[in-house]
Protein backbone atom coordinates (compact mmCIF):
# COMPACT_ATOMS: atom_id res chain seq x y z
CA UNK A 1 -74.01 -28.26 -31.07
CA UNK A 2 -76.11 -31.49 -31.03
CA UNK A 3 -79.51 -29.73 -31.83
CA UNK A 4 -77.79 -28.34 -35.17
CA UNK A 5 -76.28 -31.28 -36.35
CA UNK A 6 -79.77 -32.88 -36.13
CA UNK A 7 -81.39 -30.53 -38.09
CA UNK A 8 -78.61 -30.76 -40.74
CA UNK A 9 -78.95 -34.59 -40.66
CA UNK A 10 -82.23 -34.19 -41.12
CA UNK A 11 -82.04 -31.73 -44.26
CA UNK A 12 -80.15 -34.89 -45.83
CA UNK A 13 -75.71 -34.10 -44.50
CA UNK A 14 -75.51 -37.61 -43.58
CA UNK A 15 -71.72 -36.40 -42.16
CA UNK A 16 -73.48 -34.64 -39.47
CA UNK A 17 -74.31 -37.68 -38.06
CA UNK A 18 -70.68 -38.73 -38.37
CA UNK A 19 -70.22 -35.45 -36.28
CA UNK A 20 -72.70 -37.02 -33.73
CA UNK A 21 -71.15 -40.22 -33.68
CA UNK A 22 -67.51 -38.11 -32.85
CA UNK A 23 -68.94 -36.85 -30.68
CA UNK A 24 -70.68 -39.10 -28.51
CA UNK A 25 -68.97 -42.54 -29.21
CA UNK A 26 -67.03 -42.45 -26.08
CA UNK A 27 -69.28 -41.55 -23.70
CA UNK A 28 -72.21 -43.90 -25.72
CA UNK A 29 -69.01 -46.66 -25.43
CA UNK A 30 -68.36 -45.94 -21.53
CA UNK A 31 -72.21 -46.25 -20.67
CA UNK A 32 -72.65 -49.71 -21.98
CA UNK A 33 -69.68 -50.89 -20.80
CA UNK A 34 -70.79 -50.42 -17.59
CA UNK A 35 -74.03 -51.76 -18.20
CA UNK A 36 -72.75 -54.98 -19.22
CA UNK A 37 -68.85 -55.22 -17.72
CA UNK A 38 -67.63 -56.75 -20.95
CA UNK A 39 -65.99 -54.52 -22.88
CA UNK A 40 -66.65 -56.52 -26.29
CA UNK A 41 -70.50 -56.89 -25.33
CA UNK A 42 -70.36 -52.70 -24.69
CA UNK A 43 -68.46 -52.15 -28.50
CA UNK A 44 -71.78 -54.13 -29.93
CA UNK A 45 -74.37 -52.38 -28.05
CA UNK A 46 -72.87 -48.85 -28.32
CA UNK A 47 -72.34 -49.36 -32.75
CA UNK A 48 -76.01 -51.16 -32.62
CA UNK A 49 -77.32 -47.87 -30.68
CA UNK A 50 -75.69 -45.54 -33.23
CA UNK A 51 -76.74 -47.51 -36.13
CA UNK A 52 -80.43 -47.40 -34.63
CA UNK A 53 -80.36 -44.00 -33.94
CA UNK A 54 -79.07 -43.41 -37.57
CA UNK A 55 -82.24 -45.19 -38.83
CA UNK A 56 -84.35 -42.79 -36.73
CA UNK A 57 -82.70 -39.73 -36.63
CA UNK A 58 -84.87 -37.87 -39.60
CA UNK A 59 -87.71 -38.84 -36.33
CA UNK A 60 -86.22 -37.35 -34.22
CA UNK A 61 -88.71 -34.32 -32.70
CA UNK A 62 -85.82 -32.62 -30.15
CA UNK A 63 -88.60 -33.69 -26.80
CA UNK A 64 -85.10 -34.13 -25.11
CA UNK A 65 -81.37 -33.88 -26.33
CA UNK A 66 -79.79 -36.32 -28.61
CA UNK A 67 -77.57 -37.50 -25.64
CA UNK A 68 -80.91 -38.54 -23.50
CA UNK A 69 -82.49 -39.59 -26.57
CA UNK A 70 -79.41 -41.88 -27.35
CA UNK A 71 -78.89 -43.31 -23.96
CA UNK A 72 -82.29 -44.36 -24.22
CA UNK A 73 -81.80 -46.13 -27.60
CA UNK A 74 -78.61 -47.88 -25.57
CA UNK A 75 -80.64 -48.80 -22.46
CA UNK A 76 -83.74 -50.46 -24.42
CA UNK A 77 -81.14 -52.54 -26.28
CA UNK A 78 -79.50 -53.64 -23.51
CA UNK A 79 -82.88 -54.51 -22.02
CA UNK A 80 -84.58 -56.44 -24.89
CA UNK A 81 -80.46 -57.96 -24.74
CA UNK A 82 -81.06 -59.66 -20.84
CA UNK A 83 -85.08 -60.70 -21.95
CA UNK A 84 -83.99 -62.15 -25.00
CA UNK A 85 -80.86 -63.96 -22.75
CA UNK A 86 -83.28 -64.78 -20.00
CA UNK A 87 -85.84 -66.40 -22.15
CA UNK A 88 -83.34 -68.34 -24.11
CA UNK A 89 -81.31 -69.70 -20.76
CA UNK A 90 -85.27 -70.46 -19.03
CA UNK A 91 -85.86 -72.71 -22.07
CA UNK A 92 -82.25 -74.10 -21.97
CA UNK A 93 -83.01 -74.44 -18.55
CA UNK A 94 -78.57 -74.17 -18.04
CA UNK A 95 -76.98 -71.43 -16.38
CA UNK A 96 -73.61 -70.97 -16.44
CA UNK A 97 -72.33 -68.53 -14.42
CA UNK A 98 -68.39 -70.49 -14.21
CA UNK A 99 -67.77 -69.48 -18.30
CA UNK A 100 -67.92 -65.95 -17.62
CA UNK A 101 -64.46 -63.78 -17.66
CA UNK A 102 -64.22 -60.84 -15.37
CA UNK A 103 -63.87 -57.67 -17.07
CA UNK A 104 -60.95 -56.18 -16.70
CA UNK A 105 -60.40 -53.12 -14.34
CA UNK A 106 -59.70 -50.12 -16.16
CA UNK A 107 -56.24 -49.04 -15.98
CA UNK A 108 -55.59 -46.80 -12.87
CA UNK A 109 -54.80 -43.03 -12.98
CA UNK A 110 -50.47 -43.13 -13.35
CA UNK A 111 -49.24 -43.11 -9.71
CA UNK A 112 -51.88 -44.53 -8.54
CA UNK A 113 -51.39 -47.67 -5.34
CA UNK A 114 -52.73 -51.36 -5.95
CA UNK A 115 -55.29 -50.44 -3.27
CA UNK A 116 -56.79 -48.14 -5.81
CA UNK A 117 -56.80 -50.67 -8.81
CA UNK A 118 -58.42 -52.82 -6.29
CA UNK A 119 -61.20 -50.32 -4.80
CA UNK A 120 -62.32 -49.62 -8.26
CA UNK A 121 -62.47 -53.40 -9.21
CA UNK A 122 -64.65 -53.92 -6.12
CA UNK A 123 -67.08 -50.57 -6.93
CA UNK A 124 -66.93 -52.06 -10.33
CA UNK A 125 -68.66 -55.33 -8.92
CA UNK A 126 -70.77 -53.97 -6.54
CA UNK A 127 -72.16 -51.49 -9.36
CA UNK A 128 -72.73 -54.37 -11.80
CA UNK A 129 -74.44 -55.67 -8.57
CA UNK A 130 -76.92 -53.60 -7.96
CA UNK A 131 -80.85 -53.91 -9.24
CA UNK A 132 -81.04 -52.92 -13.09
CA UNK A 133 -83.16 -49.87 -12.58
CA UNK A 134 -80.40 -48.64 -9.11
CA UNK A 135 -77.51 -49.04 -11.42
CA UNK A 136 -79.11 -47.51 -15.15
CA UNK A 137 -80.22 -44.60 -12.51
CA UNK A 138 -76.57 -44.75 -10.46
CA UNK A 139 -74.27 -44.89 -14.11
CA UNK A 140 -76.74 -42.40 -15.76
CA UNK A 141 -75.72 -39.87 -12.92
CA UNK A 142 -72.61 -40.29 -11.76
CA UNK A 143 -70.81 -41.73 -14.81
CA UNK A 144 -72.35 -40.29 -17.08
CA UNK A 145 -73.51 -36.71 -15.80
CA UNK A 146 -76.86 -36.87 -16.78
CA UNK A 147 -79.55 -34.95 -14.11
CA UNK A 148 -82.71 -36.29 -12.72
CA UNK A 149 -85.16 -35.18 -14.93
CA UNK A 150 -82.98 -36.37 -18.56
CA UNK A 151 -82.52 -39.70 -16.71
CA UNK A 152 -86.31 -39.95 -16.20
CA UNK A 153 -86.57 -39.55 -19.86
CA UNK A 154 -84.15 -41.85 -21.09
CA UNK A 155 -85.40 -44.57 -18.54
CA UNK A 156 -88.85 -44.00 -19.09
CA UNK A 157 -90.03 -43.17 -15.09
CA UNK A 158 -90.43 -40.15 -13.01
CA UNK A 159 -88.42 -37.78 -11.11
CA UNK A 160 -89.34 -39.20 -8.17
CA UNK A 161 -88.44 -42.84 -9.21
CA UNK A 162 -84.71 -41.17 -10.08
CA UNK A 163 -84.58 -39.99 -6.76
CA UNK A 164 -85.44 -42.76 -5.07
CA UNK A 165 -83.05 -45.33 -6.89
CA UNK A 166 -80.31 -43.54 -6.85
CA UNK A 167 -80.68 -42.97 -3.10
CA UNK A 168 -81.20 -46.50 -2.82
CA UNK A 169 -78.11 -47.55 -4.96
CA UNK A 170 -75.87 -44.96 -2.57
CA UNK A 171 -76.64 -46.59 0.25
CA UNK A 172 -76.19 -49.95 -0.88
CA UNK A 173 -72.89 -48.71 -2.01
CA UNK A 174 -72.37 -46.99 1.33
CA UNK A 175 -72.67 -50.15 3.33
CA UNK A 176 -71.18 -52.83 1.03
CA UNK A 177 -68.31 -50.40 0.77
CA UNK A 178 -68.21 -49.33 4.01
CA UNK A 179 -65.11 -51.61 5.37
CA UNK A 180 -63.14 -50.26 1.71
CA UNK A 181 -63.50 -46.71 2.45
CA UNK A 182 -62.69 -46.83 6.52
C-alpha cells in the first residue's frame, strides 16, 4: 500500500501523501514520544519529520520501505536536536535538570492496578536512561515492530550492531527491573 501511495505522490497526486500521513502518524508519534519522553516534543518532531518526508519524497527511490525511511528521518531529526541542544548547553555552561517535568505515564489498560501503572512508568524511565543507540534499537524493535534489517537501515548501522545493542539493552533492562518483576 505504501509503495503505491509513494508512486502516486511522485506522479503528482498530492492526496497520496495525506494517506501516508494518516497511515503512519500514530506510529511516528509513538516512536518520537519514546525517544523524547515529551508529548509536545514528540508532536513537534513527528510533524517536522512528515514535512521533511514531504519535501524529499519525490527523491525517494524505494530501496527501503517508506516506514523505515520515515523512521530514519525522525531519528536523524532527533539526533540533530540533541546535538544542537548539547552545543547550546555547552556554550552557556548551565544545565537545568531540575526544571524538567516528567512525562506523564500513558493510561493503563482498563482494570489494570496501580502496580501495573507504576511498573509501566518505571520501564519508561529505564528505557529513557539507556544509551542512545540501545534505546533507539529497542524502541524500533519492541515498540515499532521493525525487524533487525529495517532497524539497521533506519539508524545507519550493521545488522550485527543492531543485534548487539538490542541484546545489551534487554540485559540492562532485565537487571534494572529484576526487583520489580519478581
